[in-house]
Amino acid sequence: MTRRPPEWIGPLLTRLGTARAEDFTRLTTPAEGGRESAVLVLLGEQPGAGPDVLVLQRAATLRNHAGQPAFPGGAADPEDADVRATALREANEEVGLDPTSVTVLAELPKLWIPVSDFVVTPVLAWWHDPHPVHPREPAEVAHVARLPVSELVDPANRMRVRHPSGWIGPAFSARGMLVWGFTAGVLATLLEMGGWARPWPHGRVVELPPSGATPAPSAGTDNADETALR
């Protein structure tokens, strides 16, 4: 049965109807090549907290992207029917998400991450029947959180981070998590498109402690030669 999303998602869906990759990135997604992957941008709502988005934190011991925040997701498997199936399968494997609790709403434009040569499709979904989630593989996922949109758009919780490599991009501080990189870039664009963003001090730049991982490309990068999303 199709579940109707709440009214507050409406403006975002309308805007996504005409969204292009250029709205998220300065990089041209290659017509061929790149490893197909998908992430699940899962919007929910909790009494007293309002709308939220599901974000996980990678384990600090991983070889790649150690300790980084991320949407659930990963590379496509041959048996996946499409990018929606990839996003839902990965979310189930990583945090135990029940695919039947989710209503997929839209596929965002494909975004290219040159450093890993991944072509990522963010899949937007409504969590119509939320349930407890947790790291299913602690060696891969350290933490899972539902981050309220109200906290993400609070100017006190927004900043830009500078990686030791010199990369600079947007970031959010919420529920004890520092969200940066690709995930923060997609979030920043979606918050603008949904009409939820509030003015914040773009001059606030903090140093990102070294984590042993190269930062994922992100929206909002200042470096013209950076292989990163907008």
N, C-alpha and C. Protein backbone atom coordinates (compact mmCIF):
# COMPACT_ATOMS: atom_id res chain seq x y z
N MET A 1 0.84 -1.19 0.00
CA MET A 1 0.00 0.00 0.00
C MET A 1 0.88 1.25 0.00
N THR A 2 0.55 2.20 -0.87
CA THR A 2 1.30 3.44 -0.95
C THR A 2 0.96 4.34 0.23
N ARG A 3 1.96 4.82 0.90
CA ARG A 3 1.76 5.70 2.05
C ARG A 3 1.99 7.14 1.60
N ARG A 4 1.06 8.01 1.92
CA ARG A 4 1.20 9.41 1.56
C ARG A 4 2.16 10.08 2.52
N PRO A 5 3.21 10.74 2.00
CA PRO A 5 4.15 11.43 2.89
C PRO A 5 3.51 12.65 3.51
N PRO A 6 4.03 13.12 4.62
CA PRO A 6 3.46 14.30 5.29
C PRO A 6 3.64 15.55 4.43
N GLU A 7 2.84 16.56 4.74
CA GLU A 7 2.84 17.78 3.93
C GLU A 7 4.19 18.48 3.93
N TRP A 8 4.96 18.36 5.03
CA TRP A 8 6.22 19.09 5.09
C TRP A 8 7.25 18.59 4.10
N ILE A 9 7.05 17.41 3.54
CA ILE A 9 7.97 16.91 2.52
C ILE A 9 7.60 17.45 1.13
N GLY A 10 6.37 17.93 0.98
CA GLY A 10 5.87 18.37 -0.32
C GLY A 10 6.77 19.35 -1.07
N PRO A 11 7.19 20.46 -0.44
CA PRO A 11 8.04 21.41 -1.17
C PRO A 11 9.35 20.79 -1.67
N LEU A 12 9.93 19.88 -0.89
CA LEU A 12 11.16 19.23 -1.32
C LEU A 12 10.90 18.35 -2.55
N LEU A 13 9.82 17.58 -2.53
CA LEU A 13 9.51 16.72 -3.67
C LEU A 13 9.25 17.55 -4.92
N THR A 14 8.57 18.68 -4.76
CA THR A 14 8.32 19.55 -5.90
C THR A 14 9.63 20.06 -6.50
N ARG A 15 10.52 20.48 -5.63
CA ARG A 15 11.81 21.00 -6.10
C ARG A 15 12.65 19.91 -6.74
N LEU A 16 12.61 18.71 -6.20
CA LEU A 16 13.39 17.62 -6.76
C LEU A 16 12.90 17.20 -8.13
N GLY A 17 11.66 17.57 -8.45
CA GLY A 17 11.12 17.22 -9.76
C GLY A 17 11.89 17.84 -10.90
N THR A 18 12.59 18.93 -10.63
CA THR A 18 13.39 19.59 -11.67
C THR A 18 14.88 19.62 -11.31
N ALA A 19 15.27 18.87 -10.30
CA ALA A 19 16.66 18.90 -9.84
C ALA A 19 17.59 18.27 -10.87
N ARG A 20 18.78 18.82 -10.96
CA ARG A 20 19.82 18.28 -11.82
C ARG A 20 21.08 18.04 -10.98
N ALA A 21 21.98 17.26 -11.53
CA ALA A 21 23.22 17.00 -10.81
C ALA A 21 23.95 18.31 -10.51
N GLU A 22 23.79 19.29 -11.40
CA GLU A 22 24.46 20.59 -11.22
C GLU A 22 23.98 21.31 -9.97
N ASP A 23 22.80 20.96 -9.47
CA ASP A 23 22.32 21.57 -8.23
C ASP A 23 23.10 21.07 -7.02
N PHE A 24 23.75 19.92 -7.18
CA PHE A 24 24.48 19.31 -6.07
C PHE A 24 25.99 19.38 -6.24
N THR A 25 26.46 19.48 -7.48
CA THR A 25 27.89 19.35 -7.72
C THR A 25 28.34 20.16 -8.92
N ARG A 26 29.61 20.54 -8.91
CA ARG A 26 30.21 21.19 -10.05
C ARG A 26 30.81 20.17 -11.02
N LEU A 27 30.86 18.93 -10.61
CA LEU A 27 31.48 17.88 -11.41
C LEU A 27 30.46 17.22 -12.33
N THR A 28 30.89 16.92 -13.53
CA THR A 28 30.03 16.24 -14.49
C THR A 28 30.10 14.74 -14.26
N THR A 29 28.96 14.12 -14.03
CA THR A 29 28.92 12.67 -13.84
C THR A 29 29.20 12.00 -15.16
N PRO A 30 30.21 11.11 -15.23
CA PRO A 30 30.54 10.47 -16.51
C PRO A 30 29.38 9.64 -17.04
N ALA A 31 29.23 9.66 -18.37
CA ALA A 31 28.15 8.90 -19.00
C ALA A 31 28.36 7.41 -18.85
N GLU A 32 29.62 6.99 -18.76
CA GLU A 32 29.94 5.57 -18.60
C GLU A 32 31.02 5.41 -17.54
N GLY A 33 31.10 4.21 -17.01
CA GLY A 33 32.13 3.93 -16.01
C GLY A 33 31.70 4.35 -14.63
N GLY A 34 32.56 4.15 -13.67
CA GLY A 34 32.23 4.44 -12.28
C GLY A 34 31.48 3.28 -11.67
N ARG A 35 31.66 3.07 -10.39
CA ARG A 35 31.00 1.97 -9.71
C ARG A 35 29.64 2.43 -9.20
N GLU A 36 28.59 1.80 -9.68
CA GLU A 36 27.24 2.17 -9.30
C GLU A 36 27.00 1.90 -7.81
N SER A 37 26.42 2.87 -7.13
CA SER A 37 26.10 2.72 -5.72
C SER A 37 24.90 3.59 -5.39
N ALA A 38 24.37 3.42 -4.20
CA ALA A 38 23.20 4.20 -3.77
C ALA A 38 23.24 4.39 -2.26
N VAL A 39 22.69 5.51 -1.81
CA VAL A 39 22.53 5.75 -0.39
C VAL A 39 21.06 6.07 -0.13
N LEU A 40 20.61 5.78 1.09
CA LEU A 40 19.22 6.02 1.46
C LEU A 40 19.14 7.26 2.34
N VAL A 41 18.46 8.28 1.81
CA VAL A 41 18.20 9.49 2.59
C VAL A 41 16.82 9.31 3.19
N LEU A 42 16.77 8.84 4.42
CA LEU A 42 15.53 8.42 5.05
C LEU A 42 15.00 9.50 5.99
N LEU A 43 13.89 10.10 5.62
CA LEU A 43 13.25 11.11 6.44
C LEU A 43 12.16 10.48 7.29
N GLY A 44 12.14 10.83 8.57
CA GLY A 44 11.12 10.34 9.48
C GLY A 44 10.59 11.49 10.32
N GLU A 45 9.82 11.15 11.34
CA GLU A 45 9.28 12.17 12.24
C GLU A 45 9.02 11.52 13.59
N GLN A 46 9.38 12.25 14.64
CA GLN A 46 9.16 11.77 15.99
C GLN A 46 8.39 12.79 16.80
N PRO A 47 7.46 12.34 17.66
CA PRO A 47 6.72 13.28 18.51
C PRO A 47 7.68 14.11 19.37
N GLY A 48 7.48 15.40 19.36
CA GLY A 48 8.31 16.27 20.17
C GLY A 48 9.61 16.67 19.54
N ALA A 49 10.04 15.97 18.49
CA ALA A 49 11.31 16.28 17.84
C ALA A 49 11.12 16.74 16.41
N GLY A 50 9.98 16.39 15.80
CA GLY A 50 9.71 16.80 14.43
C GLY A 50 10.44 15.94 13.41
N PRO A 51 10.56 16.45 12.18
CA PRO A 51 11.22 15.70 11.11
C PRO A 51 12.67 15.39 11.45
N ASP A 52 13.15 14.25 10.95
CA ASP A 52 14.54 13.88 11.16
C ASP A 52 15.06 13.08 9.99
N VAL A 53 16.37 12.81 10.02
CA VAL A 53 17.01 12.02 8.97
C VAL A 53 17.93 11.00 9.63
N LEU A 54 17.97 9.81 9.06
CA LEU A 54 18.77 8.73 9.62
C LEU A 54 20.21 8.81 9.10
N VAL A 55 21.16 8.83 10.03
CA VAL A 55 22.58 8.90 9.69
C VAL A 55 23.34 7.91 10.55
N LEU A 56 24.33 7.27 9.97
CA LEU A 56 25.18 6.36 10.74
C LEU A 56 26.61 6.89 10.75
N GLN A 57 27.41 6.32 11.65
CA GLN A 57 28.82 6.67 11.71
C GLN A 57 29.64 5.42 11.49
N ARG A 58 30.56 5.51 10.52
CA ARG A 58 31.40 4.37 10.21
C ARG A 58 32.33 4.05 11.39
N ALA A 59 32.68 2.78 11.51
CA ALA A 59 33.60 2.37 12.58
C ALA A 59 34.98 3.00 12.35
N ALA A 60 35.65 3.34 13.44
CA ALA A 60 36.95 4.00 13.36
C ALA A 60 38.05 3.08 12.86
N THR A 61 37.78 1.78 12.82
CA THR A 61 38.80 0.82 12.42
C THR A 61 38.75 0.47 10.94
N LEU A 62 37.80 1.05 10.20
CA LEU A 62 37.70 0.73 8.78
C LEU A 62 38.90 1.26 8.01
N ARG A 63 39.24 0.56 6.93
CA ARG A 63 40.35 1.00 6.10
C ARG A 63 40.00 2.29 5.35
N ASN A 64 38.76 2.37 4.87
CA ASN A 64 38.32 3.55 4.14
C ASN A 64 37.18 4.23 4.87
N HIS A 65 37.18 5.57 4.87
CA HIS A 65 36.11 6.37 5.47
C HIS A 65 35.94 6.09 6.97
N ALA A 66 37.03 5.80 7.64
CA ALA A 66 36.98 5.48 9.07
C ALA A 66 36.39 6.63 9.87
N GLY A 67 35.39 6.31 10.69
CA GLY A 67 34.79 7.29 11.59
C GLY A 67 33.90 8.32 10.92
N GLN A 68 33.70 8.22 9.62
CA GLN A 68 32.92 9.24 8.93
C GLN A 68 31.43 9.00 9.06
N PRO A 69 30.64 10.08 9.11
CA PRO A 69 29.18 9.96 9.08
C PRO A 69 28.75 9.63 7.65
N ALA A 70 27.62 8.99 7.52
CA ALA A 70 27.14 8.60 6.19
C ALA A 70 25.66 8.27 6.24
N PHE A 71 25.04 8.35 5.08
CA PHE A 71 23.73 7.75 4.92
C PHE A 71 23.94 6.25 4.75
N PRO A 72 22.98 5.42 5.16
CA PRO A 72 23.11 4.00 4.86
C PRO A 72 23.23 3.82 3.35
N GLY A 73 24.08 2.90 2.93
CA GLY A 73 24.22 2.67 1.49
C GLY A 73 25.54 2.06 1.14
N GLY A 74 25.71 1.80 -0.15
CA GLY A 74 26.94 1.19 -0.62
C GLY A 74 26.83 0.80 -2.07
N ALA A 75 27.77 -0.02 -2.51
CA ALA A 75 27.85 -0.41 -3.91
C ALA A 75 26.73 -1.37 -4.29
N ALA A 76 26.33 -1.30 -5.55
CA ALA A 76 25.29 -2.19 -6.06
C ALA A 76 25.80 -3.61 -6.18
N ASP A 77 24.93 -4.57 -5.89
CA ASP A 77 25.21 -5.97 -6.11
C ASP A 77 24.54 -6.42 -7.39
N PRO A 78 25.06 -7.43 -8.06
CA PRO A 78 24.46 -7.88 -9.32
C PRO A 78 22.98 -8.25 -9.18
N GLU A 79 22.59 -8.75 -8.02
CA GLU A 79 21.19 -9.17 -7.85
C GLU A 79 20.24 -8.02 -7.55
N ASP A 80 20.75 -6.82 -7.31
CA ASP A 80 19.88 -5.68 -7.04
C ASP A 80 19.11 -5.29 -8.30
N ALA A 81 17.81 -5.12 -8.16
CA ALA A 81 16.99 -4.77 -9.32
C ALA A 81 17.28 -3.36 -9.82
N ASP A 82 17.57 -2.45 -8.90
CA ASP A 82 17.82 -1.06 -9.26
C ASP A 82 18.47 -0.35 -8.07
N VAL A 83 18.66 0.97 -8.20
CA VAL A 83 19.34 1.70 -7.12
C VAL A 83 18.49 1.73 -5.86
N ARG A 84 17.18 1.71 -6.00
CA ARG A 84 16.32 1.67 -4.82
C ARG A 84 16.56 0.38 -4.04
N ALA A 85 16.65 -0.72 -4.77
CA ALA A 85 16.91 -2.00 -4.12
C ALA A 85 18.27 -1.99 -3.43
N THR A 86 19.26 -1.36 -4.06
CA THR A 86 20.59 -1.27 -3.46
C THR A 86 20.54 -0.51 -2.14
N ALA A 87 19.88 0.66 -2.16
CA ALA A 87 19.82 1.49 -0.96
C ALA A 87 19.11 0.77 0.18
N LEU A 88 18.00 0.12 -0.12
CA LEU A 88 17.23 -0.58 0.91
C LEU A 88 17.98 -1.81 1.43
N ARG A 89 18.63 -2.54 0.54
CA ARG A 89 19.39 -3.71 0.98
C ARG A 89 20.53 -3.30 1.90
N GLU A 90 21.27 -2.26 1.50
CA GLU A 90 22.40 -1.81 2.31
C GLU A 90 21.92 -1.31 3.68
N ALA A 91 20.79 -0.60 3.71
CA ALA A 91 20.27 -0.10 4.98
C ALA A 91 19.87 -1.25 5.90
N ASN A 92 19.34 -2.31 5.31
CA ASN A 92 18.98 -3.48 6.10
C ASN A 92 20.23 -4.16 6.66
N GLU A 93 21.25 -4.28 5.81
CA GLU A 93 22.47 -4.95 6.24
C GLU A 93 23.24 -4.15 7.28
N GLU A 94 23.19 -2.83 7.17
CA GLU A 94 23.99 -2.00 8.06
C GLU A 94 23.32 -1.70 9.39
N VAL A 95 22.01 -1.37 9.35
CA VAL A 95 21.35 -0.95 10.60
C VAL A 95 20.07 -1.73 10.89
N GLY A 96 19.75 -2.76 10.10
CA GLY A 96 18.57 -3.56 10.37
C GLY A 96 17.27 -2.90 9.95
N LEU A 97 17.31 -1.99 8.99
CA LEU A 97 16.09 -1.33 8.54
C LEU A 97 15.17 -2.31 7.82
N ASP A 98 13.91 -2.32 8.20
CA ASP A 98 12.91 -3.15 7.53
C ASP A 98 12.45 -2.42 6.26
N PRO A 99 12.73 -2.98 5.07
CA PRO A 99 12.36 -2.29 3.83
C PRO A 99 10.86 -2.01 3.71
N THR A 100 10.03 -2.82 4.37
CA THR A 100 8.58 -2.60 4.27
C THR A 100 8.12 -1.41 5.10
N SER A 101 9.01 -0.87 5.94
CA SER A 101 8.66 0.29 6.76
C SER A 101 8.92 1.60 6.03
N VAL A 102 9.39 1.49 4.79
CA VAL A 102 9.86 2.65 4.04
C VAL A 102 9.05 2.85 2.76
N THR A 103 8.73 4.09 2.45
CA THR A 103 8.13 4.45 1.17
C THR A 103 9.14 5.28 0.39
N VAL A 104 9.62 4.73 -0.72
CA VAL A 104 10.57 5.47 -1.55
C VAL A 104 9.83 6.58 -2.30
N LEU A 105 10.39 7.78 -2.25
CA LEU A 105 9.73 8.95 -2.83
C LEU A 105 10.37 9.44 -4.12
N ALA A 106 11.69 9.40 -4.19
CA ALA A 106 12.36 9.96 -5.37
C ALA A 106 13.81 9.49 -5.43
N GLU A 107 14.34 9.51 -6.63
CA GLU A 107 15.76 9.29 -6.84
C GLU A 107 16.39 10.62 -7.21
N LEU A 108 17.44 10.99 -6.50
CA LEU A 108 18.16 12.22 -6.80
C LEU A 108 19.09 11.97 -7.99
N PRO A 109 19.63 13.03 -8.58
CA PRO A 109 20.57 12.83 -9.69
C PRO A 109 21.79 12.02 -9.24
N LYS A 110 22.37 11.31 -10.20
CA LYS A 110 23.59 10.55 -9.93
C LYS A 110 24.74 11.52 -9.68
N LEU A 111 25.53 11.27 -8.64
CA LEU A 111 26.63 12.14 -8.27
C LEU A 111 27.93 11.34 -8.28
N TRP A 112 28.93 11.92 -8.88
CA TRP A 112 30.21 11.23 -9.05
C TRP A 112 31.18 11.61 -7.96
N ILE A 113 31.82 10.60 -7.36
CA ILE A 113 32.87 10.83 -6.36
C ILE A 113 34.19 10.37 -6.98
N PRO A 114 34.97 11.31 -7.53
CA PRO A 114 36.18 10.93 -8.27
C PRO A 114 37.19 10.14 -7.46
N VAL A 115 37.37 10.49 -6.17
CA VAL A 115 38.42 9.86 -5.39
C VAL A 115 38.23 8.35 -5.28
N SER A 116 36.98 7.89 -5.33
CA SER A 116 36.70 6.46 -5.27
C SER A 116 36.08 5.94 -6.56
N ASP A 117 35.79 6.85 -7.50
CA ASP A 117 35.13 6.53 -8.77
C ASP A 117 33.78 5.85 -8.55
N PHE A 118 33.07 6.28 -7.51
CA PHE A 118 31.71 5.82 -7.27
C PHE A 118 30.73 6.77 -7.94
N VAL A 119 29.71 6.23 -8.55
CA VAL A 119 28.59 7.01 -9.05
C VAL A 119 27.42 6.72 -8.13
N VAL A 120 27.06 7.70 -7.30
CA VAL A 120 26.12 7.49 -6.19
C VAL A 120 24.76 8.10 -6.52
N THR A 121 23.72 7.31 -6.35
CA THR A 121 22.35 7.82 -6.46
C THR A 121 21.74 7.92 -5.07
N PRO A 122 21.54 9.12 -4.55
CA PRO A 122 20.80 9.23 -3.28
C PRO A 122 19.32 8.93 -3.51
N VAL A 123 18.78 8.06 -2.70
CA VAL A 123 17.37 7.66 -2.80
C VAL A 123 16.62 8.26 -1.61
N LEU A 124 15.68 9.14 -1.90
CA LEU A 124 14.91 9.80 -0.85
C LEU A 124 13.70 8.94 -0.48
N ALA A 125 13.47 8.76 0.83
CA ALA A 125 12.37 7.91 1.27
C ALA A 125 11.73 8.46 2.54
N TRP A 126 10.49 8.05 2.76
CA TRP A 126 9.71 8.42 3.94
C TRP A 126 9.60 7.19 4.83
N TRP A 127 9.97 7.34 6.10
CA TRP A 127 9.90 6.24 7.05
C TRP A 127 8.51 6.23 7.67
N HIS A 128 7.59 5.58 7.00
CA HIS A 128 6.19 5.64 7.44
C HIS A 128 5.92 4.77 8.66
N ASP A 129 6.78 3.80 8.92
CA ASP A 129 6.58 2.92 10.08
C ASP A 129 7.91 2.74 10.80
N PRO A 130 8.39 3.76 11.49
CA PRO A 130 9.72 3.70 12.11
C PRO A 130 9.80 2.63 13.20
N HIS A 131 10.99 2.10 13.36
CA HIS A 131 11.24 1.05 14.35
C HIS A 131 12.68 1.20 14.82
N PRO A 132 13.06 0.57 15.92
CA PRO A 132 14.44 0.68 16.40
C PRO A 132 15.43 0.13 15.38
N VAL A 133 16.55 0.84 15.23
CA VAL A 133 17.64 0.39 14.37
C VAL A 133 18.93 0.43 15.18
N HIS A 134 19.93 -0.30 14.73
CA HIS A 134 21.18 -0.40 15.46
C HIS A 134 22.26 -0.92 14.52
N PRO A 135 23.53 -0.74 14.86
CA PRO A 135 24.59 -1.29 14.02
C PRO A 135 24.52 -2.82 14.01
N ARG A 136 24.35 -3.39 12.83
CA ARG A 136 24.30 -4.85 12.73
C ARG A 136 25.70 -5.44 12.69
N GLU A 137 26.65 -4.66 12.16
CA GLU A 137 28.05 -5.10 12.11
C GLU A 137 28.89 -4.02 12.79
N PRO A 138 29.11 -4.12 14.10
CA PRO A 138 29.89 -3.10 14.82
C PRO A 138 31.27 -2.86 14.23
N ALA A 139 31.81 -3.83 13.51
CA ALA A 139 33.12 -3.64 12.89
C ALA A 139 33.03 -2.66 11.73
N GLU A 140 31.81 -2.40 11.25
CA GLU A 140 31.63 -1.49 10.12
C GLU A 140 30.88 -0.23 10.52
N VAL A 141 29.89 -0.37 11.39
CA VAL A 141 29.05 0.77 11.80
C VAL A 141 29.17 0.93 13.31
N ALA A 142 29.58 2.13 13.74
CA ALA A 142 29.78 2.37 15.17
C ALA A 142 28.54 2.92 15.84
N HIS A 143 27.74 3.68 15.11
CA HIS A 143 26.65 4.42 15.75
C HIS A 143 25.58 4.73 14.71
N VAL A 144 24.33 4.78 15.16
CA VAL A 144 23.21 5.15 14.30
C VAL A 144 22.38 6.19 15.04
N ALA A 145 21.95 7.24 14.35
CA ALA A 145 21.19 8.29 15.00
C ALA A 145 20.15 8.87 14.06
N ARG A 146 19.04 9.32 14.64
CA ARG A 146 18.04 10.09 13.91
C ARG A 146 18.27 11.56 14.25
N LEU A 147 18.74 12.31 13.30
CA LEU A 147 19.11 13.70 13.55
C LEU A 147 17.95 14.62 13.19
N PRO A 148 17.39 15.35 14.17
CA PRO A 148 16.26 16.24 13.90
C PRO A 148 16.64 17.35 12.92
N VAL A 149 15.77 17.62 11.97
CA VAL A 149 16.01 18.71 11.03
C VAL A 149 16.14 20.03 11.77
N SER A 150 15.37 20.20 12.86
CA SER A 150 15.43 21.45 13.62
C SER A 150 16.82 21.71 14.17
N GLU A 151 17.55 20.64 14.52
CA GLU A 151 18.90 20.80 15.01
C GLU A 151 19.89 21.02 13.87
N LEU A 152 19.66 20.37 12.74
CA LEU A 152 20.55 20.53 11.61
C LEU A 152 20.52 21.95 11.06
N VAL A 153 19.35 22.59 11.08
CA VAL A 153 19.25 23.94 10.52
C VAL A 153 19.52 25.04 11.54
N ASP A 154 19.70 24.68 12.80
CA ASP A 154 20.01 25.66 13.83
C ASP A 154 21.36 26.29 13.50
N PRO A 155 21.42 27.62 13.33
CA PRO A 155 22.70 28.26 12.98
C PRO A 155 23.83 27.91 13.94
N ALA A 156 23.50 27.64 15.20
CA ALA A 156 24.55 27.29 16.17
C ALA A 156 25.19 25.95 15.87
N ASN A 157 24.50 25.12 15.06
CA ASN A 157 25.00 23.78 14.77
C ASN A 157 25.59 23.64 13.37
N ARG A 158 25.71 24.78 12.66
CA ARG A 158 26.25 24.74 11.30
C ARG A 158 27.60 25.42 11.25
N MET A 159 28.46 24.89 10.41
CA MET A 159 29.82 25.39 10.28
C MET A 159 30.41 24.82 9.00
N ARG A 160 31.64 25.19 8.73
CA ARG A 160 32.43 24.51 7.71
C ARG A 160 33.64 23.90 8.39
N VAL A 161 34.10 22.79 7.83
CA VAL A 161 35.27 22.13 8.41
C VAL A 161 36.42 22.15 7.40
N ARG A 162 37.63 22.25 7.94
CA ARG A 162 38.83 22.20 7.12
C ARG A 162 39.58 20.92 7.46
N HIS A 163 39.73 20.06 6.47
CA HIS A 163 40.47 18.82 6.65
C HIS A 163 41.97 19.11 6.59
N PRO A 164 42.81 18.30 7.24
CA PRO A 164 44.26 18.52 7.16
C PRO A 164 44.79 18.59 5.73
N SER A 165 44.06 18.01 4.77
CA SER A 165 44.49 18.07 3.37
C SER A 165 44.26 19.44 2.76
N GLY A 166 43.49 20.29 3.45
CA GLY A 166 43.15 21.61 2.92
C GLY A 166 41.73 21.70 2.42
N TRP A 167 41.07 20.55 2.25
CA TRP A 167 39.67 20.52 1.82
C TRP A 167 38.78 21.24 2.83
N ILE A 168 37.82 22.02 2.31
CA ILE A 168 36.86 22.73 3.16
C ILE A 168 35.45 22.44 2.68
N GLY A 169 34.54 22.15 3.58
CA GLY A 169 33.16 21.87 3.20
C GLY A 169 32.22 22.07 4.36
N PRO A 170 30.91 22.01 4.10
CA PRO A 170 29.93 22.24 5.14
C PRO A 170 29.89 21.11 6.16
N ALA A 171 29.37 21.44 7.34
CA ALA A 171 29.26 20.43 8.39
C ALA A 171 28.11 20.79 9.32
N PHE A 172 27.64 19.79 10.01
CA PHE A 172 26.55 19.94 10.98
C PHE A 172 26.96 19.25 12.27
N SER A 173 26.59 19.84 13.40
CA SER A 173 26.79 19.21 14.69
C SER A 173 25.42 18.94 15.31
N ALA A 174 25.12 17.67 15.55
CA ALA A 174 23.82 17.31 16.10
C ALA A 174 23.91 15.97 16.81
N ARG A 175 23.31 15.90 17.97
CA ARG A 175 23.24 14.66 18.75
C ARG A 175 24.60 14.00 18.93
N GLY A 176 25.61 14.84 19.17
CA GLY A 176 26.93 14.31 19.41
C GLY A 176 27.68 13.87 18.17
N MET A 177 27.11 14.11 16.98
CA MET A 177 27.77 13.73 15.74
C MET A 177 28.20 14.96 14.96
N LEU A 178 29.38 14.90 14.36
CA LEU A 178 29.82 15.92 13.43
C LEU A 178 29.64 15.34 12.03
N VAL A 179 28.67 15.87 11.31
CA VAL A 179 28.35 15.37 9.98
C VAL A 179 29.06 16.24 8.96
N TRP A 180 29.89 15.64 8.12
CA TRP A 180 30.66 16.40 7.14
C TRP A 180 30.79 15.56 5.87
N GLY A 181 31.62 16.02 4.93
CA GLY A 181 31.87 15.26 3.71
C GLY A 181 30.66 15.18 2.79
N PHE A 182 30.61 14.11 2.02
CA PHE A 182 29.54 13.91 1.04
C PHE A 182 28.16 14.02 1.68
N THR A 183 28.01 13.41 2.85
CA THR A 183 26.72 13.40 3.54
C THR A 183 26.26 14.80 3.88
N ALA A 184 27.15 15.62 4.41
CA ALA A 184 26.79 16.99 4.75
C ALA A 184 26.47 17.80 3.50
N GLY A 185 27.18 17.53 2.41
CA GLY A 185 26.92 18.25 1.19
C GLY A 185 25.53 17.99 0.65
N VAL A 186 25.13 16.71 0.63
CA VAL A 186 23.78 16.37 0.17
C VAL A 186 22.73 16.96 1.11
N LEU A 187 22.97 16.84 2.41
CA LEU A 187 22.03 17.39 3.39
C LEU A 187 21.85 18.89 3.20
N ALA A 188 22.94 19.61 3.03
CA ALA A 188 22.88 21.06 2.89
C ALA A 188 22.00 21.45 1.69
N THR A 189 22.16 20.75 0.59
CA THR A 189 21.37 21.06 -0.60
C THR A 189 19.90 20.72 -0.39
N LEU A 190 19.63 19.58 0.23
CA LEU A 190 18.23 19.18 0.46
C LEU A 190 17.53 20.13 1.43
N LEU A 191 18.24 20.60 2.45
CA LEU A 191 17.63 21.54 3.39
C LEU A 191 17.27 22.84 2.70
N GLU A 192 18.10 23.27 1.76
CA GLU A 192 17.78 24.47 0.98
C GLU A 192 16.57 24.22 0.09
N MET A 193 16.57 23.10 -0.61
CA MET A 193 15.48 22.79 -1.52
C MET A 193 14.15 22.64 -0.80
N GLY A 194 14.19 22.09 0.42
CA GLY A 194 12.96 21.88 1.18
C GLY A 194 12.45 23.14 1.85
N GLY A 195 13.23 24.22 1.77
CA GLY A 195 12.83 25.47 2.40
C GLY A 195 13.03 25.49 3.90
N TRP A 196 13.87 24.60 4.41
CA TRP A 196 14.07 24.50 5.85
C TRP A 196 15.30 25.25 6.34
N ALA A 197 16.24 25.51 5.44
CA ALA A 197 17.51 26.11 5.85
C ALA A 197 17.30 27.51 6.43
N ARG A 198 18.17 27.86 7.37
CA ARG A 198 18.17 29.19 7.98
C ARG A 198 19.53 29.82 7.76
N PRO A 199 19.60 31.16 7.77
CA PRO A 199 20.91 31.81 7.62
C PRO A 199 21.87 31.33 8.72
N TRP A 200 23.12 31.11 8.35
CA TRP A 200 24.11 30.67 9.32
C TRP A 200 25.45 31.29 8.98
N PRO A 201 26.36 31.37 9.94
CA PRO A 201 27.65 32.05 9.73
C PRO A 201 28.63 31.22 8.91
N HIS A 202 28.68 31.49 7.60
CA HIS A 202 29.57 30.72 6.73
C HIS A 202 31.04 30.94 7.06
N GLY A 203 31.33 32.01 7.79
CA GLY A 203 32.72 32.26 8.16
C GLY A 203 33.21 31.40 9.30
N ARG A 204 32.34 30.62 9.90
CA ARG A 204 32.74 29.74 10.99
C ARG A 204 33.39 28.49 10.41
N VAL A 205 34.70 28.40 10.53
CA VAL A 205 35.46 27.27 10.00
C VAL A 205 36.22 26.62 11.15
N VAL A 206 36.05 25.32 11.31
CA VAL A 206 36.76 24.59 12.37
C VAL A 206 37.65 23.54 11.73
N GLU A 207 38.70 23.19 12.43
CA GLU A 207 39.64 22.18 11.94
C GLU A 207 39.09 20.78 12.22
N LEU A 208 39.17 19.93 11.22
CA LEU A 208 38.73 18.54 11.39
C LEU A 208 39.92 17.71 11.83
N PRO A 209 39.82 17.06 12.98
CA PRO A 209 40.94 16.23 13.44
C PRO A 209 41.22 15.12 12.45
N PRO A 210 42.48 14.78 12.25
CA PRO A 210 42.83 13.67 11.34
C PRO A 210 42.16 12.39 11.81
N SER A 211 41.61 11.63 10.86
CA SER A 211 40.96 10.38 11.22
C SER A 211 41.54 9.21 10.46
N GLY A 212 42.56 9.48 9.66
CA GLY A 212 43.16 8.40 8.89
C GLY A 212 42.41 8.12 7.61
N ALA A 213 41.45 9.00 7.27
CA ALA A 213 40.68 8.78 6.05
C ALA A 213 40.67 10.05 5.22
N THR A 214 40.73 9.89 3.90
CA THR A 214 40.60 11.03 3.01
C THR A 214 39.16 11.47 3.00
N PRO A 215 38.87 12.76 3.11
CA PRO A 215 37.49 13.21 3.16
C PRO A 215 36.75 12.92 1.86
N ALA A 216 35.49 12.51 2.00
CA ALA A 216 34.67 12.32 0.82
C ALA A 216 34.34 13.66 0.21
N PRO A 217 34.15 13.74 -1.12
CA PRO A 217 33.75 14.99 -1.73
C PRO A 217 32.45 15.50 -1.13
N SER A 218 32.33 16.81 -1.06
CA SER A 218 31.18 17.39 -0.39
C SER A 218 30.68 18.62 -1.09
N ALA A 219 29.42 18.91 -0.93
CA ALA A 219 28.89 20.17 -1.39
C ALA A 219 29.51 21.29 -0.59
N GLY A 220 29.62 22.46 -1.19
CA GLY A 220 30.06 23.64 -0.48
C GLY A 220 31.56 23.82 -0.41
N THR A 221 32.35 23.01 -1.10
CA THR A 221 33.79 23.16 -0.99
C THR A 221 34.25 24.48 -1.59
N ASP A 222 35.25 25.07 -0.99
CA ASP A 222 35.75 26.36 -1.44
C ASP A 222 36.83 26.24 -2.51
N ASN A 223 37.47 25.08 -2.60
CA ASN A 223 38.64 24.96 -3.45
C ASN A 223 38.25 24.66 -4.89
N ALA A 224 38.60 25.56 -5.79
CA ALA A 224 38.20 25.41 -7.18
C ALA A 224 38.77 24.15 -7.81
N ASP A 225 39.95 23.69 -7.32
CA ASP A 225 40.57 22.51 -7.91
C ASP A 225 40.26 21.25 -7.12
N GLU A 226 39.41 21.36 -6.15
CA GLU A 226 39.09 20.20 -5.33
C GLU A 226 38.16 19.26 -6.09
N THR A 227 38.46 17.96 -6.08
CA THR A 227 37.59 16.99 -6.73
C THR A 227 36.45 16.69 -5.78
N ALA A 228 35.52 17.61 -5.68
CA ALA A 228 34.48 17.50 -4.68
C ALA A 228 33.16 18.01 -5.20
N LEU A 229 32.09 17.61 -4.50
CA LEU A 229 30.79 18.15 -4.81
C LEU A 229 30.72 19.59 -4.36
N ARG A 230 29.73 20.29 -4.82
CA ARG A 230 29.60 21.72 -4.55
C ARG A 230 29.72 22.05 -3.09
